[in-house]
N, C-alpha and C. Protein backbone atom coordinates (compact mmCIF):
# COMPACT_ATOMS: atom_id res chain seq x y z
N MET A 1 0.88 -1.22 0.03
CA MET A 1 -0.03 -0.04 -0.02
C MET A 1 0.75 1.39 -0.02
N LEU A 2 2.01 1.16 0.96
CA LEU A 2 2.69 2.47 0.81
C LEU A 2 3.53 2.49 -0.45
N ARG A 3 3.94 1.44 -1.04
CA ARG A 3 4.62 1.63 -2.26
C ARG A 3 3.85 2.13 -3.40
N HIS A 4 2.47 1.65 -3.43
CA HIS A 4 1.52 2.30 -4.37
C HIS A 4 1.44 3.76 -4.11
N SER A 5 1.41 4.31 -2.76
CA SER A 5 1.28 5.74 -2.48
C SER A 5 2.50 6.50 -3.15
N PHE A 6 3.68 5.77 -2.95
CA PHE A 6 4.92 6.52 -3.49
C PHE A 6 5.00 6.57 -5.05
N ARG A 7 4.42 5.53 -5.65
CA ARG A 7 4.35 5.58 -7.17
C ARG A 7 3.51 6.60 -7.74
N LEU A 8 2.28 6.71 -6.86
CA LEU A 8 1.45 7.61 -7.17
C LEU A 8 1.92 9.07 -7.06
N ILE A 9 2.75 9.39 -6.00
CA ILE A 9 3.35 10.58 -5.82
C ILE A 9 4.36 10.89 -6.97
N HIS A 10 5.17 9.87 -7.37
CA HIS A 10 6.10 9.99 -8.29
C HIS A 10 5.59 10.40 -9.70
N ARG A 11 4.43 9.97 -10.00
CA ARG A 11 3.81 10.22 -11.18
C ARG A 11 2.82 11.55 -11.28
N SER A 12 2.58 12.16 -10.18
CA SER A 12 1.49 12.99 -10.17
C SER A 12 2.36 14.57 -9.70
N ALA A 13 2.17 15.19 -10.70
CA ALA A 13 2.52 16.72 -10.55
C ALA A 13 1.73 17.45 -9.50
N PRO A 14 0.23 17.30 -9.68
CA PRO A 14 -0.39 18.04 -8.70
C PRO A 14 -0.24 17.59 -7.11
N LEU A 15 0.08 16.34 -7.02
CA LEU A 15 0.29 15.83 -5.74
C LEU A 15 1.65 16.32 -5.19
N GLN A 16 2.61 16.47 -6.04
CA GLN A 16 4.10 16.95 -5.67
C GLN A 16 3.73 18.40 -5.29
N LEU A 17 3.10 19.30 -5.99
CA LEU A 17 2.90 20.48 -5.77
C LEU A 17 2.05 20.69 -4.52
N GLY A 18 1.29 19.70 -4.21
CA GLY A 18 0.58 19.77 -2.88
C GLY A 18 1.66 19.51 -1.77
N ILE A 19 2.52 18.74 -1.92
CA ILE A 19 3.68 18.63 -0.86
C ILE A 19 4.35 19.84 -0.69
N VAL A 20 4.59 20.47 -1.71
CA VAL A 20 5.35 21.80 -1.80
C VAL A 20 4.57 22.74 -0.70
N LEU A 21 3.11 22.86 -1.13
CA LEU A 21 2.36 23.62 -0.43
C LEU A 21 2.05 23.17 1.08
N LEU A 22 2.14 21.97 1.30
CA LEU A 22 2.10 21.53 2.62
C LEU A 22 3.31 21.93 3.40
N PHE A 23 4.52 21.93 2.88
CA PHE A 23 5.77 22.50 3.56
C PHE A 23 5.61 24.00 3.74
N TRP A 24 5.17 24.65 2.70
CA TRP A 24 4.88 26.10 2.83
C TRP A 24 3.98 26.34 3.99
N LEU A 25 2.93 25.62 4.29
CA LEU A 25 1.88 25.76 5.42
C LEU A 25 2.55 25.33 6.66
N ALA A 26 3.42 24.37 6.79
CA ALA A 26 4.28 23.90 7.96
C ALA A 26 5.20 25.02 8.34
N GLY A 27 5.78 25.75 7.33
CA GLY A 27 6.52 26.84 7.64
C GLY A 27 5.97 28.12 8.17
N GLU A 28 4.62 28.28 7.57
CA GLU A 28 3.93 29.42 8.13
C GLU A 28 3.53 29.00 9.65
N GLY A 29 3.23 27.82 9.88
CA GLY A 29 2.75 27.52 11.25
C GLY A 29 3.96 27.63 12.27
N LEU A 30 5.06 27.16 11.97
CA LEU A 30 6.29 27.39 12.67
C LEU A 30 6.57 28.68 12.80
N VAL A 31 6.66 29.66 11.96
CA VAL A 31 6.74 31.02 12.12
C VAL A 31 5.75 31.58 13.18
N ARG A 32 4.59 31.43 12.99
CA ARG A 32 3.52 31.95 13.77
C ARG A 32 3.74 31.46 15.40
N LEU A 33 4.11 30.12 15.53
CA LEU A 33 4.13 29.39 16.74
C LEU A 33 5.34 29.98 17.50
N ALA A 34 6.48 30.09 16.69
CA ALA A 34 7.80 30.38 17.26
C ALA A 34 8.25 32.05 17.34
N GLY A 35 7.17 32.74 16.47
CA GLY A 35 7.45 34.21 16.46
C GLY A 35 8.72 34.59 15.64
N LEU A 36 8.96 33.73 14.78
CA LEU A 36 10.22 33.97 13.91
C LEU A 36 10.17 35.12 12.98
N PRO A 37 11.28 36.04 12.84
CA PRO A 37 11.09 36.97 11.87
C PRO A 37 11.42 36.91 10.54
N LEU A 38 10.92 35.67 9.94
CA LEU A 38 11.14 35.12 8.69
C LEU A 38 10.03 34.76 7.96
N PRO A 39 9.86 34.75 6.51
CA PRO A 39 8.60 34.44 5.99
C PRO A 39 8.48 32.93 6.12
N GLY A 40 7.21 32.59 6.26
CA GLY A 40 6.87 30.96 6.54
C GLY A 40 7.41 30.27 5.16
N GLY A 41 7.19 30.81 4.10
CA GLY A 41 7.65 30.18 2.87
C GLY A 41 9.11 29.70 2.86
N ILE A 42 10.01 30.50 3.35
CA ILE A 42 11.53 30.33 3.49
C ILE A 42 11.63 29.18 4.35
N ILE A 43 11.03 29.32 5.58
CA ILE A 43 11.25 28.11 6.48
C ILE A 43 10.67 26.69 5.99
N GLY A 44 9.58 26.65 5.27
CA GLY A 44 8.99 25.52 4.73
C GLY A 44 9.90 25.10 3.65
N LEU A 45 10.50 25.81 2.74
CA LEU A 45 11.26 25.37 1.59
C LEU A 45 12.64 24.84 2.33
N ALA A 46 13.06 25.52 3.55
CA ALA A 46 14.27 24.96 4.17
C ALA A 46 14.05 23.79 4.74
N LEU A 47 12.95 23.33 5.16
CA LEU A 47 12.56 22.09 5.71
C LEU A 47 12.53 21.03 4.42
N LEU A 48 11.96 21.49 3.43
CA LEU A 48 11.92 20.55 2.33
C LEU A 48 13.34 20.14 1.95
N LEU A 49 14.26 21.32 1.63
CA LEU A 49 15.57 21.09 1.40
C LEU A 49 16.41 20.29 2.35
N LEU A 50 16.07 20.46 3.54
CA LEU A 50 16.66 19.49 4.58
C LEU A 50 16.35 18.12 4.32
N LEU A 51 15.11 17.90 4.04
CA LEU A 51 14.76 16.42 3.69
C LEU A 51 15.18 15.86 2.46
N LEU A 52 15.43 16.80 1.42
CA LEU A 52 16.09 16.26 0.14
C LEU A 52 17.64 16.13 0.33
N VAL A 53 18.28 16.83 1.13
CA VAL A 53 19.70 16.78 1.26
C VAL A 53 20.11 15.56 2.08
N THR A 54 19.12 15.37 3.09
CA THR A 54 19.40 14.10 4.09
C THR A 54 18.81 12.85 3.34
N ARG A 55 18.32 13.04 2.19
CA ARG A 55 17.67 11.85 1.42
C ARG A 55 16.52 11.29 2.03
N ARG A 56 15.72 11.87 2.82
CA ARG A 56 14.50 11.45 3.46
C ARG A 56 13.38 11.54 2.53
N LEU A 57 13.65 12.53 1.51
CA LEU A 57 12.77 12.71 0.46
C LEU A 57 13.34 12.62 -0.76
N SER A 58 12.75 11.94 -1.63
CA SER A 58 13.53 11.66 -3.03
C SER A 58 13.43 12.87 -4.01
N VAL A 59 14.34 13.27 -4.71
CA VAL A 59 14.30 14.29 -5.62
C VAL A 59 13.29 13.85 -6.71
N ILE A 60 13.11 12.51 -7.09
CA ILE A 60 12.28 12.18 -8.05
C ILE A 60 10.77 12.56 -7.63
N SER A 61 10.55 12.23 -6.26
CA SER A 61 9.12 12.54 -5.96
C SER A 61 8.71 13.93 -5.84
N MET A 62 9.67 14.97 -6.18
CA MET A 62 9.45 16.36 -6.32
C MET A 62 9.57 16.96 -7.55
N ARG A 63 10.30 16.29 -8.57
CA ARG A 63 10.62 16.69 -9.81
C ARG A 63 9.43 17.36 -10.63
N ARG A 64 8.43 16.41 -10.91
CA ARG A 64 7.33 17.11 -11.88
C ARG A 64 6.60 18.19 -11.31
N GLY A 65 6.40 18.29 -9.98
CA GLY A 65 5.80 19.37 -9.40
C GLY A 65 6.73 20.70 -9.45
N ALA A 66 8.08 20.46 -9.16
CA ALA A 66 8.94 21.60 -9.24
C ALA A 66 9.01 22.21 -10.71
N GLU A 67 8.88 21.24 -11.83
CA GLU A 67 8.90 21.56 -13.19
C GLU A 67 7.65 22.15 -13.65
N TRP A 68 6.66 21.89 -13.06
CA TRP A 68 5.34 22.56 -13.40
C TRP A 68 5.32 23.93 -12.81
N LEU A 69 5.88 24.09 -11.40
CA LEU A 69 5.98 25.61 -10.92
C LEU A 69 6.93 26.33 -11.86
N LEU A 70 8.03 25.89 -12.15
CA LEU A 70 8.93 26.66 -13.02
C LEU A 70 8.46 26.89 -14.38
N ALA A 71 7.78 26.08 -15.07
CA ALA A 71 7.12 26.29 -16.18
C ALA A 71 6.26 27.31 -16.22
N ASP A 72 5.45 27.65 -15.23
CA ASP A 72 4.39 28.64 -15.10
C ASP A 72 4.88 29.80 -14.25
N MET A 73 6.21 29.98 -14.22
CA MET A 73 6.68 30.93 -13.18
C MET A 73 6.41 32.46 -13.70
N LEU A 74 6.20 32.48 -15.02
CA LEU A 74 5.80 33.82 -15.66
C LEU A 74 4.59 34.40 -15.16
N LEU A 75 3.72 33.58 -14.71
CA LEU A 75 2.33 33.90 -14.22
C LEU A 75 2.46 34.52 -12.87
N PHE A 76 3.53 34.20 -12.12
CA PHE A 76 3.64 34.80 -10.68
C PHE A 76 4.15 36.20 -10.76
N PHE A 77 4.61 36.73 -12.00
CA PHE A 77 4.99 38.19 -12.07
C PHE A 77 3.95 38.83 -12.61
N VAL A 78 2.83 38.48 -13.02
CA VAL A 78 1.63 39.20 -13.61
C VAL A 78 1.08 40.08 -12.62
N PRO A 79 1.08 39.97 -11.52
CA PRO A 79 0.52 40.90 -10.41
C PRO A 79 1.45 41.99 -10.35
N ALA A 80 2.66 41.89 -10.39
CA ALA A 80 3.70 42.91 -10.10
C ALA A 80 3.61 43.73 -11.42
N VAL A 81 3.41 43.33 -12.67
CA VAL A 81 3.33 44.05 -13.79
C VAL A 81 2.22 44.85 -13.82
N LEU A 82 1.06 44.24 -13.26
CA LEU A 82 -0.23 44.97 -13.34
C LEU A 82 0.04 46.21 -12.17
N ALA A 83 0.73 46.08 -11.10
CA ALA A 83 0.87 47.00 -10.16
C ALA A 83 1.69 48.15 -10.79
N VAL A 84 2.58 47.97 -11.68
CA VAL A 84 3.48 48.99 -12.41
C VAL A 84 2.38 49.80 -13.19
N LEU A 85 1.58 49.28 -13.77
CA LEU A 85 0.61 49.91 -14.71
C LEU A 85 -0.26 50.99 -13.93
N ASP A 86 -0.45 50.84 -12.63
CA ASP A 86 -1.19 51.72 -11.89
C ASP A 86 -0.32 53.03 -11.60
N HIS A 87 0.98 53.01 -11.89
CA HIS A 87 1.89 54.07 -11.53
C HIS A 87 2.50 54.66 -12.90
N ARG A 88 1.84 55.54 -13.53
CA ARG A 88 2.21 55.93 -14.84
C ARG A 88 3.56 56.69 -14.79
N GLU A 89 3.86 57.27 -13.75
CA GLU A 89 4.95 58.23 -13.57
C GLU A 89 6.26 57.12 -13.80
N LEU A 90 6.12 55.86 -13.74
CA LEU A 90 7.26 54.90 -13.98
C LEU A 90 7.57 54.78 -15.32
N PHE A 91 6.79 55.31 -16.13
CA PHE A 91 7.21 55.27 -17.69
C PHE A 91 7.69 56.47 -18.35
N GLY A 92 8.11 57.42 -17.31
CA GLY A 92 8.81 58.55 -17.74
C GLY A 92 10.12 58.70 -17.22
N LEU A 93 10.65 59.85 -17.00
CA LEU A 93 11.98 60.05 -16.43
C LEU A 93 12.36 59.32 -15.16
N ILE A 94 11.32 59.28 -14.39
CA ILE A 94 11.55 58.68 -13.03
C ILE A 94 11.83 57.07 -13.20
N GLY A 95 11.03 56.61 -14.03
CA GLY A 95 11.26 55.13 -14.56
C GLY A 95 12.53 54.84 -15.04
N LEU A 96 12.96 55.70 -15.97
CA LEU A 96 14.34 55.45 -16.53
C LEU A 96 15.40 55.63 -15.45
N LYS A 97 15.38 56.74 -14.42
CA LYS A 97 16.42 56.71 -13.50
C LYS A 97 16.35 55.45 -12.66
N ILE A 98 14.99 54.98 -12.29
CA ILE A 98 15.19 53.66 -11.51
C ILE A 98 15.66 52.43 -12.15
N LEU A 99 15.33 52.40 -13.41
CA LEU A 99 15.94 51.30 -14.41
C LEU A 99 17.37 51.30 -14.25
N PHE A 100 18.02 52.66 -14.51
CA PHE A 100 19.29 52.75 -14.47
C PHE A 100 20.00 52.42 -13.16
N VAL A 101 19.28 52.74 -11.97
CA VAL A 101 19.79 52.35 -10.68
C VAL A 101 19.85 50.75 -10.61
N ILE A 102 18.63 50.20 -11.04
CA ILE A 102 18.57 48.80 -11.00
C ILE A 102 19.57 48.16 -11.88
N LEU A 103 19.96 48.48 -12.95
CA LEU A 103 20.71 48.03 -14.00
C LEU A 103 22.22 48.03 -13.24
N CYS A 104 22.69 49.43 -12.73
CA CYS A 104 24.00 49.52 -12.27
C CYS A 104 24.20 48.81 -11.01
N SER A 105 23.14 48.62 -10.28
CA SER A 105 23.46 47.83 -8.96
C SER A 105 23.42 46.39 -9.42
N THR A 106 22.83 45.85 -10.22
CA THR A 106 22.91 44.51 -10.71
C THR A 106 24.27 44.21 -11.33
N ILE A 107 24.80 45.05 -12.05
CA ILE A 107 26.11 44.99 -12.59
C ILE A 107 27.12 44.87 -11.46
N ILE A 108 26.99 45.80 -10.52
CA ILE A 108 27.95 45.90 -9.38
C ILE A 108 27.90 44.61 -8.51
N VAL A 109 26.61 44.04 -8.27
CA VAL A 109 26.46 42.85 -7.52
C VAL A 109 27.21 41.70 -8.13
N MET A 110 26.84 41.68 -9.56
CA MET A 110 27.56 40.51 -10.42
C MET A 110 28.98 40.53 -10.40
N THR A 111 29.65 41.73 -10.37
CA THR A 111 30.96 41.86 -10.51
C THR A 111 31.83 41.69 -9.13
N VAL A 112 31.14 42.16 -8.05
CA VAL A 112 31.74 41.86 -6.89
C VAL A 112 31.57 40.25 -6.58
N THR A 113 30.46 39.66 -6.91
CA THR A 113 30.31 38.23 -6.65
C THR A 113 31.34 37.50 -7.45
N ALA A 114 31.56 37.99 -8.71
CA ALA A 114 32.55 37.11 -9.61
C ALA A 114 33.84 37.32 -9.00
N LEU A 115 34.16 38.53 -8.56
CA LEU A 115 35.45 38.70 -7.88
C LEU A 115 35.66 37.90 -6.67
N ALA A 116 34.72 37.89 -5.89
CA ALA A 116 34.73 37.09 -4.60
C ALA A 116 34.93 35.58 -4.88
N VAL A 117 34.23 35.09 -5.78
CA VAL A 117 34.31 33.75 -6.32
C VAL A 117 35.56 33.47 -6.76
N ASP A 118 36.25 34.23 -7.57
CA ASP A 118 37.53 34.06 -8.22
C ASP A 118 38.65 34.12 -7.11
N ALA A 119 38.40 35.04 -6.08
CA ALA A 119 39.53 35.22 -4.87
C ALA A 119 39.29 33.93 -4.02
N CYS A 120 38.30 33.32 -3.82
CA CYS A 120 38.11 32.22 -3.00
C CYS A 120 38.55 31.03 -3.79
N TYR A 121 38.39 30.90 -5.14
CA TYR A 121 38.89 29.82 -5.89
C TYR A 121 40.41 29.86 -5.86
N ARG A 122 41.02 30.87 -6.09
CA ARG A 122 42.56 31.18 -6.07
C ARG A 122 43.21 30.73 -4.77
N TRP A 123 42.33 31.36 -3.62
CA TRP A 123 42.88 31.06 -2.20
C TRP A 123 42.71 29.47 -1.96
N SER A 124 41.79 28.73 -2.37
CA SER A 124 41.56 27.38 -2.11
C SER A 124 42.74 26.72 -2.99
N LEU A 125 42.95 27.08 -4.26
CA LEU A 125 44.12 26.52 -4.92
C LEU A 125 45.36 26.54 -4.30
N ARG A 126 45.75 27.67 -3.80
CA ARG A 126 47.01 28.00 -2.91
C ARG A 126 47.10 26.97 -1.82
N HIS A 127 45.83 26.88 -1.06
CA HIS A 127 45.97 26.02 0.05
C HIS A 127 46.03 24.72 -0.29
N VAL A 128 45.33 24.09 -1.34
CA VAL A 128 45.52 22.78 -1.57
C VAL A 128 47.03 22.49 -2.11
N ARG A 129 47.57 23.33 -2.85
CA ARG A 129 48.93 23.23 -3.16
C ARG A 129 49.85 23.16 -2.06
N ALA A 130 49.69 24.03 -1.17
CA ALA A 130 50.58 24.12 0.04
C ALA A 130 50.35 22.83 0.90
N GLU A 131 49.23 22.29 0.99
CA GLU A 131 49.09 21.03 1.63
C GLU A 131 49.84 19.94 0.98
N HIS A 132 49.83 19.84 -0.39
CA HIS A 132 50.49 18.72 -1.17
C HIS A 132 51.88 18.90 -1.38
N ASP A 133 52.47 20.04 -1.35
CA ASP A 133 53.87 20.30 -1.62
C ASP A 133 54.62 20.33 -0.31
N PRO A 134 55.48 19.49 -0.16
CA PRO A 134 56.29 19.36 1.04
C PRO A 134 57.35 20.59 1.16
N ALA A 135 57.48 21.43 2.04
CA ALA A 135 58.13 22.57 1.85
C ALA A 135 59.61 22.36 2.29
């Protein structure tokens, strides 16, 4: 019986999506009970990640539901786009200034991240070489 349930979950994207929603609700419950200053969705997905990393939950049992969410991700941005339409001032000079700031900050973040990753990679290479090279 339990084996049949696992097969059903492996094949059903809506059931997998339901599992993700259950983790979200569990995270919301934990946040409210413990008074944590974090969104419940983050806690719920962290719990889900913990189960996936410890292999208590199979990646296969979540793959179809996750692919379904990713395929329809554009729909999640529709409310944000509609909210922008309510603010016509964003289509003028103010909007260009905001777009410029967003683009510049994105480039800065990407550059700093790349430099930090490169520095960490070079540092780890030096340490690995130092451990293997007898001085």
